[in-house]
Amino acid sequence: FQEPMTSLNPVFTIGDQITEVIREHQAVSRAQAESRAAEL
């Protein structure tokens, strides 16, 4: 999206916001999602 400051939720960490997308679409554990988030 056009403006990253308004697109990212200010009350959640970067990790929470990346892992939320991963877990929404893939059947993985939280630990696996966090590992994938670090890779990204």
PDB file of all heavy atoms in Angstrom:
ATOM      1  N   PHE A   1       0.830  -1.197   0.000  1.00  0.00           N
ATOM      2  CA  PHE A   1       0.000   0.000   0.000  1.00  0.00           C
ATOM      3  C   PHE A   1       0.867   1.251   0.000  1.00  0.00           C
ATOM      4  O   PHE A   1       2.059   1.227   0.281  1.00  0.00           O
ATOM      5  CB  PHE A   1      -0.954  -0.017   1.199  1.00  0.00           C
ATOM      6  CG  PHE A   1      -2.007  -1.072   1.094  1.00  0.00           C
ATOM      7  CD1 PHE A   1      -1.828  -2.322   1.686  1.00  0.00           C
ATOM      8  CD2 PHE A   1      -3.173  -0.845   0.384  1.00  0.00           C
ATOM      9  CE1 PHE A   1      -2.785  -3.309   1.585  1.00  0.00           C
ATOM     10  CE2 PHE A   1      -4.140  -1.829   0.267  1.00  0.00           C
ATOM     11  CZ  PHE A   1      -3.952  -3.064   0.872  1.00  0.00           C
ATOM     12  N   GLN A   2       0.209   2.376  -0.305  1.00  0.00           N
ATOM     13  CA  GLN A   2       0.915   3.609  -0.619  1.00  0.00           C
ATOM     14  C   GLN A   2       1.667   4.202   0.561  1.00  0.00           C
ATOM     15  O   GLN A   2       2.759   4.713   0.391  1.00  0.00           O
ATOM     16  CB  GLN A   2      -0.095   4.620  -1.165  1.00  0.00           C
ATOM     17  CG  GLN A   2       0.526   5.780  -1.876  1.00  0.00           C
ATOM     18  CD  GLN A   2      -0.510   6.590  -2.649  1.00  0.00           C
ATOM     19  OE1 GLN A   2      -0.524   7.804  -2.563  1.00  0.00           O
ATOM     20  NE2 GLN A   2      -1.367   5.931  -3.393  1.00  0.00           N
ATOM     21  N   GLU A   3       1.103   4.138   1.760  1.00  0.00           N
ATOM     22  CA  GLU A   3       1.711   4.810   2.900  1.00  0.00           C
ATOM     23  C   GLU A   3       1.973   3.806   4.019  1.00  0.00           C
ATOM     24  O   GLU A   3       1.049   3.382   4.711  1.00  0.00           O
ATOM     25  CB  GLU A   3       0.779   5.927   3.402  1.00  0.00           C
ATOM     26  CG  GLU A   3       1.307   6.703   4.601  1.00  0.00           C
ATOM     27  CD  GLU A   3       2.738   7.174   4.433  1.00  0.00           C
ATOM     28  OE1 GLU A   3       3.001   7.983   3.530  1.00  0.00           O
ATOM     29  OE2 GLU A   3       3.600   6.700   5.209  1.00  0.00           O
ATOM     30  N   PRO A   4       3.228   3.385   4.222  1.00  0.00           N
ATOM     31  CA  PRO A   4       3.507   2.324   5.197  1.00  0.00           C
ATOM     32  C   PRO A   4       3.172   2.697   6.632  1.00  0.00           C
ATOM     33  O   PRO A   4       2.821   1.841   7.435  1.00  0.00           O
ATOM     34  CB  PRO A   4       5.013   2.066   5.026  1.00  0.00           C
ATOM     35  CG  PRO A   4       5.558   3.294   4.400  1.00  0.00           C
ATOM     36  CD  PRO A   4       4.452   3.842   3.544  1.00  0.00           C
ATOM     37  N   MET A   5       3.273   3.987   7.001  1.00  0.00           N
ATOM     38  CA  MET A   5       3.009   4.359   8.386  1.00  0.00           C
ATOM     39  C   MET A   5       1.546   4.186   8.735  1.00  0.00           C
ATOM     40  O   MET A   5       1.198   3.829   9.864  1.00  0.00           O
ATOM     41  CB  MET A   5       3.446   5.809   8.639  1.00  0.00           C
ATOM     42  CG  MET A   5       3.579   6.157  10.128  1.00  0.00           C
ATOM     43  SD  MET A   5       4.736   5.053  10.973  1.00  0.00           S
ATOM     44  CE  MET A   5       4.104   5.089  12.643  1.00  0.00           C
ATOM     45  N   THR A   6       0.647   4.433   7.783  1.00  0.00           N
ATOM     46  CA  THR A   6      -0.776   4.251   8.060  1.00  0.00           C
ATOM     47  C   THR A   6      -1.243   2.825   7.746  1.00  0.00           C
ATOM     48  O   THR A   6      -2.293   2.405   8.220  1.00  0.00           O
ATOM     49  CB  THR A   6      -1.619   5.250   7.232  1.00  0.00           C
ATOM     50  OG1 THR A   6      -1.307   5.098   5.847  1.00  0.00           O
ATOM     51  CG2 THR A   6      -1.315   6.681   7.648  1.00  0.00           C
ATOM     52  N   SER A   7      -0.474   2.082   6.957  1.00  0.00           N
ATOM     53  CA  SER A   7      -0.853   0.704   6.627  1.00  0.00           C
ATOM     54  C   SER A   7      -0.466  -0.273   7.733  1.00  0.00           C
ATOM     55  O   SER A   7      -1.127  -1.297   7.923  1.00  0.00           O
ATOM     56  CB  SER A   7      -0.191   0.284   5.314  1.00  0.00           C
ATOM     57  OG  SER A   7      -0.602   1.110   4.250  1.00  0.00           O
ATOM     58  N   LEU A   8       0.606   0.032   8.457  1.00  0.00           N
ATOM     59  CA  LEU A   8       1.018  -0.818   9.574  1.00  0.00           C
ATOM     60  C   LEU A   8       0.272  -0.398  10.840  1.00  0.00           C
ATOM     61  O   LEU A   8       0.081   0.793  11.095  1.00  0.00           O
ATOM     62  CB  LEU A   8       2.528  -0.708   9.794  1.00  0.00           C
ATOM     63  CG  LEU A   8       3.410  -1.278   8.677  1.00  0.00           C
ATOM     64  CD1 LEU A   8       4.871  -0.887   8.884  1.00  0.00           C
ATOM     65  CD2 LEU A   8       3.272  -2.788   8.594  1.00  0.00           C
ATOM     66  N   ASN A   9      -0.137  -1.377  11.635  1.00  0.00           N
ATOM     67  CA  ASN A   9      -0.859  -1.103  12.880  1.00  0.00           C
ATOM     68  C   ASN A   9       0.137  -0.665  13.958  1.00  0.00           C
ATOM     69  O   ASN A   9       1.053  -1.423  14.297  1.00  0.00           O
ATOM     70  CB  ASN A   9      -1.612  -2.348  13.327  1.00  0.00           C
ATOM     71  CG  ASN A   9      -2.630  -2.047  14.411  1.00  0.00           C
ATOM     72  OD1 ASN A   9      -2.359  -1.279  15.322  1.00  0.00           O
ATOM     73  ND2 ASN A   9      -3.794  -2.657  14.303  1.00  0.00           N
ATOM     74  N   PRO A  10      -0.009   0.537  14.517  1.00  0.00           N
ATOM     75  CA  PRO A  10       0.991   1.048  15.463  1.00  0.00           C
ATOM     76  C   PRO A  10       1.022   0.320  16.803  1.00  0.00           C
ATOM     77  O   PRO A  10       1.991   0.458  17.552  1.00  0.00           O
ATOM     78  CB  PRO A  10       0.578   2.513  15.648  1.00  0.00           C
ATOM     79  CG  PRO A  10      -0.888   2.540  15.337  1.00  0.00           C
ATOM     80  CD  PRO A  10      -1.077   1.515  14.262  1.00  0.00           C
ATOM     81  N   VAL A  11      -0.013  -0.462  17.136  1.00  0.00           N
ATOM     82  CA  VAL A  11      -0.063  -1.092  18.460  1.00  0.00           C
ATOM     83  C   VAL A  11       0.389  -2.553  18.434  1.00  0.00           C
ATOM     84  O   VAL A  11       0.374  -3.220  19.464  1.00  0.00           O
ATOM     85  CB  VAL A  11      -1.473  -0.985  19.084  1.00  0.00           C
ATOM     86  CG1 VAL A  11      -1.878   0.473  19.220  1.00  0.00           C
ATOM     87  CG2 VAL A  11      -2.500  -1.758  18.267  1.00  0.00           C
ATOM     88  N   PHE A  12       0.772  -3.059  17.261  1.00  0.00           N
ATOM     89  CA  PHE A  12       1.282  -4.428  17.156  1.00  0.00           C
ATOM     90  C   PHE A  12       2.711  -4.400  16.647  1.00  0.00           C
ATOM     91  O   PHE A  12       3.090  -3.529  15.867  1.00  0.00           O
ATOM     92  CB  PHE A  12       0.415  -5.267  16.208  1.00  0.00           C
ATOM     93  CG  PHE A  12      -0.940  -5.604  16.757  1.00  0.00           C
ATOM     94  CD1 PHE A  12      -2.047  -4.865  16.382  1.00  0.00           C
ATOM     95  CD2 PHE A  12      -1.102  -6.643  17.663  1.00  0.00           C
ATOM     96  CE1 PHE A  12      -3.298  -5.158  16.888  1.00  0.00           C
ATOM     97  CE2 PHE A  12      -2.352  -6.944  18.182  1.00  0.00           C
ATOM     98  CZ  PHE A  12      -3.466  -6.194  17.800  1.00  0.00           C
ATOM     99  N   THR A  13       3.492  -5.368  17.088  1.00  0.00           N
ATOM    100  CA  THR A  13       4.882  -5.431  16.642  1.00  0.00           C
ATOM    101  C   THR A  13       4.946  -5.833  15.167  1.00  0.00           C
ATOM    102  O   THR A  13       3.980  -6.358  14.598  1.00  0.00           O
ATOM    103  CB  THR A  13       5.682  -6.451  17.458  1.00  0.00           C
ATOM    104  OG1 THR A  13       5.172  -7.772  17.199  1.00  0.00           O
ATOM    105  CG2 THR A  13       5.616  -6.148  18.945  1.00  0.00           C
ATOM    106  N   ILE A  14       6.107  -5.602  14.591  1.00  0.00           N
ATOM    107  CA  ILE A  14       6.336  -6.011  13.205  1.00  0.00           C
ATOM    108  C   ILE A  14       6.129  -7.514  13.053  1.00  0.00           C
ATOM    109  O   ILE A  14       5.495  -7.990  12.109  1.00  0.00           O
ATOM    110  CB  ILE A  14       7.759  -5.621  12.767  1.00  0.00           C
ATOM    111  CG1 ILE A  14       7.943  -4.095  12.805  1.00  0.00           C
ATOM    112  CG2 ILE A  14       8.077  -6.178  11.388  1.00  0.00           C
ATOM    113  CD1 ILE A  14       6.967  -3.317  11.969  1.00  0.00           C
ATOM    114  N   GLY A  15       6.650  -8.272  14.012  1.00  0.00           N
ATOM    115  CA  GLY A  15       6.519  -9.729  13.953  1.00  0.00           C
ATOM    116  C   GLY A  15       5.073 -10.181  13.988  1.00  0.00           C
ATOM    117  O   GLY A  15       4.672 -11.092  13.246  1.00  0.00           O
ATOM    118  N   ASP A  16       4.260  -9.553  14.859  1.00  0.00           N
ATOM    119  CA  ASP A  16       2.844  -9.917  14.940  1.00  0.00           C
ATOM    120  C   ASP A  16       2.145  -9.702  13.598  1.00  0.00           C
ATOM    121  O   ASP A  16       1.307 -10.511  13.187  1.00  0.00           O
ATOM    122  CB  ASP A  16       2.146  -9.080  16.015  1.00  0.00           C
ATOM    123  CG  ASP A  16       2.523  -9.519  17.425  1.00  0.00           C
ATOM    124  OD1 ASP A  16       2.942 -10.680  17.586  1.00  0.00           O
ATOM    125  OD2 ASP A  16       2.388  -8.697  18.353  1.00  0.00           O
ATOM    126  N   GLN A  17       2.491  -8.610  12.932  1.00  0.00           N
ATOM    127  CA  GLN A  17       1.786  -8.265  11.702  1.00  0.00           C
ATOM    128  C   GLN A  17       2.194  -9.155  10.530  1.00  0.00           C
ATOM    129  O   GLN A  17       1.380  -9.460   9.662  1.00  0.00           O
ATOM    130  CB  GLN A  17       2.015  -6.784  11.386  1.00  0.00           C
ATOM    131  CG  GLN A  17       1.404  -5.896  12.471  1.00  0.00           C
ATOM    132  CD  GLN A  17       1.526  -4.418  12.177  1.00  0.00           C
ATOM    133  OE1 GLN A  17       0.954  -3.922  11.213  1.00  0.00           O
ATOM    134  NE2 GLN A  17       2.243  -3.699  13.033  1.00  0.00           N
ATOM    135  N   ILE A  18       3.438  -9.599  10.510  1.00  0.00           N
ATOM    136  CA  ILE A  18       3.858 -10.513   9.443  1.00  0.00           C
ATOM    137  C   ILE A  18       3.309 -11.914   9.700  1.00  0.00           C
ATOM    138  O   ILE A  18       2.795 -12.576   8.788  1.00  0.00           O
ATOM    139  CB  ILE A  18       5.387 -10.551   9.321  1.00  0.00           C
ATOM    140  CG1 ILE A  18       5.940  -9.155   9.001  1.00  0.00           C
ATOM    141  CG2 ILE A  18       5.810 -11.527   8.218  1.00  0.00           C
ATOM    142  CD1 ILE A  18       7.457  -9.090   8.960  1.00  0.00           C
ATOM    143  N   THR A  19       3.418 -12.384  10.944  1.00  0.00           N
ATOM    144  CA  THR A  19       2.951 -13.744  11.251  1.00  0.00           C
ATOM    145  C   THR A  19       1.436 -13.873  11.095  1.00  0.00           C
ATOM    146  O   THR A  19       0.942 -14.948  10.755  1.00  0.00           O
ATOM    147  CB  THR A  19       3.356 -14.160  12.676  1.00  0.00           C
ATOM    148  OG1 THR A  19       2.853 -13.201  13.622  1.00  0.00           O
ATOM    149  CG2 THR A  19       4.863 -14.251  12.815  1.00  0.00           C
ATOM    150  N   GLU A  20       0.699 -12.786  11.326  1.00  0.00           N
ATOM    151  CA  GLU A  20      -0.757 -12.841  11.145  1.00  0.00           C
ATOM    152  C   GLU A  20      -1.114 -13.206   9.707  1.00  0.00           C
ATOM    153  O   GLU A  20      -2.005 -14.034   9.469  1.00  0.00           O
ATOM    154  CB  GLU A  20      -1.379 -11.495  11.504  1.00  0.00           C
ATOM    155  CG  GLU A  20      -2.894 -11.462  11.310  1.00  0.00           C
ATOM    156  CD  GLU A  20      -3.486 -10.089  11.533  1.00  0.00           C
ATOM    157  OE1 GLU A  20      -2.727  -9.098  11.502  1.00  0.00           O
ATOM    158  OE2 GLU A  20      -4.709 -10.003  11.714  1.00  0.00           O
ATOM    159  N   VAL A  21      -0.407 -12.611   8.744  1.00  0.00           N
ATOM    160  CA  VAL A  21      -0.674 -12.907   7.335  1.00  0.00           C
ATOM    161  C   VAL A  21      -0.316 -14.355   7.021  1.00  0.00           C
ATOM    162  O   VAL A  21      -1.065 -15.065   6.332  1.00  0.00           O
ATOM    163  CB  VAL A  21       0.127 -11.953   6.428  1.00  0.00           C
ATOM    164  CG1 VAL A  21      -0.040 -12.335   4.962  1.00  0.00           C
ATOM    165  CG2 VAL A  21      -0.302 -10.512   6.658  1.00  0.00           C
ATOM    166  N   ILE A  22       0.813 -14.819   7.533  1.00  0.00           N
ATOM    167  CA  ILE A  22       1.262 -16.184   7.255  1.00  0.00           C
ATOM    168  C   ILE A  22       0.264 -17.203   7.805  1.00  0.00           C
ATOM    169  O   ILE A  22      -0.149 -18.143   7.120  1.00  0.00           O
ATOM    170  CB  ILE A  22       2.663 -16.415   7.845  1.00  0.00           C
ATOM    171  CG1 ILE A  22       3.682 -15.491   7.163  1.00  0.00           C
ATOM    172  CG2 ILE A  22       3.081 -17.879   7.689  1.00  0.00           C
ATOM    173  CD1 ILE A  22       5.037 -15.470   7.842  1.00  0.00           C
ATOM    174  N   ARG A  23      -0.165 -17.001   9.049  1.00  0.00           N
ATOM    175  CA  ARG A  23      -1.053 -17.970   9.696  1.00  0.00           C
ATOM    176  C   ARG A  23      -2.475 -17.904   9.144  1.00  0.00           C
ATOM    177  O   ARG A  23      -3.226 -18.883   9.245  1.00  0.00           O
ATOM    178  CB  ARG A  23      -1.056 -17.752  11.203  1.00  0.00           C
ATOM    179  CG  ARG A  23       0.331 -17.939  11.840  1.00  0.00           C
ATOM    180  CD  ARG A  23       0.260 -17.996  13.340  1.00  0.00           C
ATOM    181  NE  ARG A  23      -0.308 -19.263  13.784  1.00  0.00           N
ATOM    182  CZ  ARG A  23      -0.656 -19.527  15.053  1.00  0.00           C
ATOM    183  NH1 ARG A  23      -0.503 -18.579  15.976  1.00  0.00           N
ATOM    184  NH2 ARG A  23      -1.153 -20.688  15.387  1.00  0.00           N
ATOM    185  N   GLU A  24      -2.833 -16.758   8.558  1.00  0.00           N
ATOM    186  CA  GLU A  24      -4.156 -16.637   7.948  1.00  0.00           C
ATOM    187  C   GLU A  24      -4.280 -17.530   6.714  1.00  0.00           C
ATOM    188  O   GLU A  24      -5.354 -18.078   6.431  1.00  0.00           O
ATOM    189  CB  GLU A  24      -4.403 -15.169   7.550  1.00  0.00           C
ATOM    190  CG  GLU A  24      -5.670 -14.913   6.774  1.00  0.00           C
ATOM    191  CD  GLU A  24      -6.936 -15.060   7.611  1.00  0.00           C
ATOM    192  OE1 GLU A  24      -6.846 -14.968   8.868  1.00  0.00           O
ATOM    193  OE2 GLU A  24      -8.007 -15.284   7.010  1.00  0.00           O
ATOM    194  N   HIS A  25      -3.172 -17.714   6.001  1.00  0.00           N
ATOM    195  CA  HIS A  25      -3.229 -18.424   4.725  1.00  0.00           C
ATOM    196  C   HIS A  25      -2.513 -19.776   4.728  1.00  0.00           C
ATOM    197  O   HIS A  25      -2.662 -20.538   3.774  1.00  0.00           O
ATOM    198  CB  HIS A  25      -2.622 -17.556   3.618  1.00  0.00           C
ATOM    199  CG  HIS A  25      -3.385 -16.287   3.373  1.00  0.00           C
ATOM    200  ND1 HIS A  25      -4.619 -16.268   2.770  1.00  0.00           N
ATOM    201  CD2 HIS A  25      -3.084 -14.998   3.670  1.00  0.00           C
ATOM    202  CE1 HIS A  25      -5.056 -15.017   2.691  1.00  0.00           C
ATOM    203  NE2 HIS A  25      -4.147 -14.227   3.222  1.00  0.00           N
ATOM    204  N   GLN A  26      -1.730 -20.060   5.754  1.00  0.00           N
ATOM    205  CA  GLN A  26      -0.965 -21.311   5.784  1.00  0.00           C
ATOM    206  C   GLN A  26      -1.163 -22.017   7.122  1.00  0.00           C
ATOM    207  O   GLN A  26      -1.231 -21.371   8.173  1.00  0.00           O
ATOM    208  CB  GLN A  26       0.520 -21.031   5.548  1.00  0.00           C
ATOM    209  CG  GLN A  26       0.812 -20.396   4.196  1.00  0.00           C
ATOM    210  CD  GLN A  26       2.284 -20.096   3.999  1.00  0.00           C
ATOM    211  OE1 GLN A  26       3.114 -20.390   4.850  1.00  0.00           O
ATOM    212  NE2 GLN A  26       2.620 -19.499   2.855  1.00  0.00           N
ATOM    213  N   ALA A  27      -1.239 -23.348   7.065  1.00  0.00           N
ATOM    214  CA  ALA A  27      -1.435 -24.145   8.275  1.00  0.00           C
ATOM    215  C   ALA A  27      -0.085 -24.391   8.953  1.00  0.00           C
ATOM    216  O   ALA A  27       0.532 -25.448   8.790  1.00  0.00           O
ATOM    217  CB  ALA A  27      -2.120 -25.461   7.932  1.00  0.00           C
ATOM    218  N   VAL A  28       0.404 -23.390   9.684  1.00  0.00           N
ATOM    219  CA  VAL A  28       1.686 -23.489  10.369  1.00  0.00           C
ATOM    220  C   VAL A  28       1.517 -23.054  11.822  1.00  0.00           C
ATOM    221  O   VAL A  28       0.565 -22.350  12.178  1.00  0.00           O
ATOM    222  CB  VAL A  28       2.759 -22.610   9.688  1.00  0.00           C
ATOM    223  CG1 VAL A  28       3.024 -23.089   8.270  1.00  0.00           C
ATOM    224  CG2 VAL A  28       2.343 -21.144   9.683  1.00  0.00           C
ATOM    225  N   SER A  29       2.449 -23.490  12.670  1.00  0.00           N
ATOM    226  CA  SER A  29       2.429 -23.082  14.069  1.00  0.00           C
ATOM    227  C   SER A  29       2.941 -21.654  14.208  1.00  0.00           C
ATOM    228  O   SER A  29       3.517 -21.089  13.272  1.00  0.00           O
ATOM    229  CB  SER A  29       3.306 -24.031  14.894  1.00  0.00           C
ATOM    230  OG  SER A  29       4.671 -23.875  14.520  1.00  0.00           O
ATOM    231  N   ARG A  30       2.778 -21.080  15.401  1.00  0.00           N
ATOM    232  CA  ARG A  30       3.270 -19.718  15.624  1.00  0.00           C
ATOM    233  C   ARG A  30       4.792 -19.669  15.494  1.00  0.00           C
ATOM    234  O   ARG A  30       5.343 -18.726  14.916  1.00  0.00           O
ATOM    235  CB  ARG A  30       2.852 -19.222  17.009  1.00  0.00           C
ATOM    236  CG  ARG A  30       3.305 -17.790  17.284  1.00  0.00           C
ATOM    237  CD  ARG A  30       2.678 -17.193  18.516  1.00  0.00           C
ATOM    238  NE  ARG A  30       3.105 -15.816  18.667  1.00  0.00           N
ATOM    239  CZ  ARG A  30       2.565 -14.793  18.026  1.00  0.00           C
ATOM    240  NH1 ARG A  30       1.576 -15.003  17.175  1.00  0.00           N
ATOM    241  NH2 ARG A  30       3.000 -13.568  18.217  1.00  0.00           N
ATOM    242  N   ALA A  31       5.470 -20.694  16.004  1.00  0.00           N
ATOM    243  CA  ALA A  31       6.935 -20.719  15.914  1.00  0.00           C
ATOM    244  C   ALA A  31       7.387 -20.785  14.452  1.00  0.00           C
ATOM    245  O   ALA A  31       8.347 -20.117  14.060  1.00  0.00           O
ATOM    246  CB  ALA A  31       7.485 -21.915  16.692  1.00  0.00           C
ATOM    247  N   GLN A  32       6.697 -21.596  13.659  1.00  0.00           N
ATOM    248  CA  GLN A  32       7.040 -21.689  12.238  1.00  0.00           C
ATOM    249  C   GLN A  32       6.782 -20.357  11.519  1.00  0.00           C
ATOM    250  O   GLN A  32       7.560 -19.935  10.662  1.00  0.00           O
ATOM    251  CB  GLN A  32       6.233 -22.803  11.579  1.00  0.00           C
ATOM    252  CG  GLN A  32       6.647 -24.207  11.989  1.00  0.00           C
ATOM    253  CD  GLN A  32       5.699 -25.266  11.472  1.00  0.00           C
ATOM    254  OE1 GLN A  32       4.474 -25.087  11.473  1.00  0.00           O
ATOM    255  NE2 GLN A  32       6.259 -26.390  11.012  1.00  0.00           N
ATOM    256  N   ALA A  33       5.680 -19.696  11.887  1.00  0.00           N
ATOM    257  CA  ALA A  33       5.357 -18.404  11.273  1.00  0.00           C
ATOM    258  C   ALA A  33       6.400 -17.350  11.644  1.00  0.00           C
ATOM    259  O   ALA A  33       6.790 -16.535  10.804  1.00  0.00           O
ATOM    260  CB  ALA A  33       3.964 -17.947  11.710  1.00  0.00           C
ATOM    261  N   GLU A  34       6.867 -17.374  12.895  1.00  0.00           N
ATOM    262  CA  GLU A  34       7.885 -16.413  13.315  1.00  0.00           C
ATOM    263  C   GLU A  34       9.207 -16.667  12.604  1.00  0.00           C
ATOM    264  O   GLU A  34       9.910 -15.723  12.220  1.00  0.00           O
ATOM    265  CB  GLU A  34       8.071 -16.490  14.833  1.00  0.00           C
ATOM    266  CG  GLU A  34       6.897 -15.899  15.611  1.00  0.00           C
ATOM    267  CD  GLU A  34       7.099 -16.011  17.115  1.00  0.00           C
ATOM    268  OE1 GLU A  34       8.074 -16.699  17.544  1.00  0.00           O
ATOM    269  OE2 GLU A  34       6.293 -15.431  17.860  1.00  0.00           O
ATOM    270  N   SER A  35       9.535 -17.939  12.395  1.00  0.00           N
ATOM    271  CA  SER A  35      10.752 -18.270  11.654  1.00  0.00           C
ATOM    272  C   SER A  35      10.651 -17.783  10.207  1.00  0.00           C
ATOM    273  O   SER A  35      11.605 -17.221   9.657  1.00  0.00           O
ATOM    274  CB  SER A  35      10.974 -19.784  11.683  1.00  0.00           C
ATOM    275  OG  SER A  35      12.094 -20.149  10.898  1.00  0.00           O
ATOM    276  N   ARG A  36       9.469 -17.966   9.604  1.00  0.00           N
ATOM    277  CA  ARG A  36       9.242 -17.496   8.247  1.00  0.00           C
ATOM    278  C   ARG A  36       9.305 -15.966   8.183  1.00  0.00           C
ATOM    279  O   ARG A  36       9.853 -15.389   7.244  1.00  0.00           O
ATOM    280  CB  ARG A  36       7.886 -17.997   7.754  1.00  0.00           C
ATOM    281  CG  ARG A  36       7.402 -17.413   6.429  1.00  0.00           C
ATOM    282  CD  ARG A  36       8.311 -17.760   5.278  1.00  0.00           C
ATOM    283  NE  ARG A  36       7.770 -17.282   4.013  1.00  0.00           N
ATOM    284  CZ  ARG A  36       8.461 -17.093   2.902  1.00  0.00           C
ATOM    285  NH1 ARG A  36       9.771 -17.332   2.895  1.00  0.00           N
ATOM    286  NH2 ARG A  36       7.894 -16.672   1.801  1.00  0.00           N
ATOM    287  N   ALA A  37       8.768 -15.294   9.216  1.00  0.00           N
ATOM    288  CA  ALA A  37       8.794 -13.829   9.254  1.00  0.00           C
ATOM    289  C   ALA A  37      10.223 -13.311   9.293  1.00  0.00           C
ATOM    290  O   ALA A  37      10.561 -12.328   8.617  1.00  0.00           O
ATOM    291  CB  ALA A  37       8.008 -13.332  10.469  1.00  0.00           C
ATOM    292  N   ALA A  38      11.069 -13.972  10.067  1.00  0.00           N
ATOM    293  CA  ALA A  38      12.486 -13.571  10.121  1.00  0.00           C
ATOM    294  C   ALA A  38      13.154 -13.780   8.763  1.00  0.00           C
ATOM    295  O   ALA A  38      13.963 -12.957   8.318  1.00  0.00           O
ATOM    296  CB  ALA A  38      13.207 -14.366  11.204  1.00  0.00           C
ATOM    297  N   GLU A  39      12.816 -14.890   8.081  1.00  0.00           N
ATOM    298  CA  GLU A  39      13.355 -15.136   6.740  1.00  0.00           C
ATOM    299  C   GLU A  39      12.946 -14.025   5.770  1.00  0.00           C
ATOM    300  O   GLU A  39      13.747 -13.579   4.941  1.00  0.00           O
ATOM    301  CB  GLU A  39      12.849 -16.483   6.210  1.00  0.00           C
ATOM    302  CG  GLU A  39      13.423 -17.706   6.916  1.00  0.00           C
ATOM    303  CD  GLU A  39      12.798 -18.986   6.390  1.00  0.00           C
ATOM    304  OE1 GLU A  39      12.036 -18.916   5.391  1.00  0.00           O
ATOM    305  OE2 GLU A  39      13.051 -20.054   6.968  1.00  0.00           O
ATOM    306  N   LEU A  40      11.693 -13.603   5.884  1.00  0.00           N
ATOM    307  CA  LEU A  40      11.193 -12.554   4.984  1.00  0.00           C
ATOM    308  C   LEU A  40      11.904 -11.228   5.228  1.00  0.00           C
ATOM    309  O   LEU A  40      12.261 -10.524   4.281  1.00  0.00           O
ATOM    310  CB  LEU A  40       9.680 -12.381   5.176  1.00  0.00           C
ATOM    311  CG  LEU A  40       8.815 -13.508   4.618  1.00  0.00           C
ATOM    312  CD1 LEU A  40       7.400 -13.438   5.177  1.00  0.00           C
ATOM    313  CD2 LEU A  40       8.780 -13.434   3.087  1.00  0.00           C
TER     314      LEU A  40
END
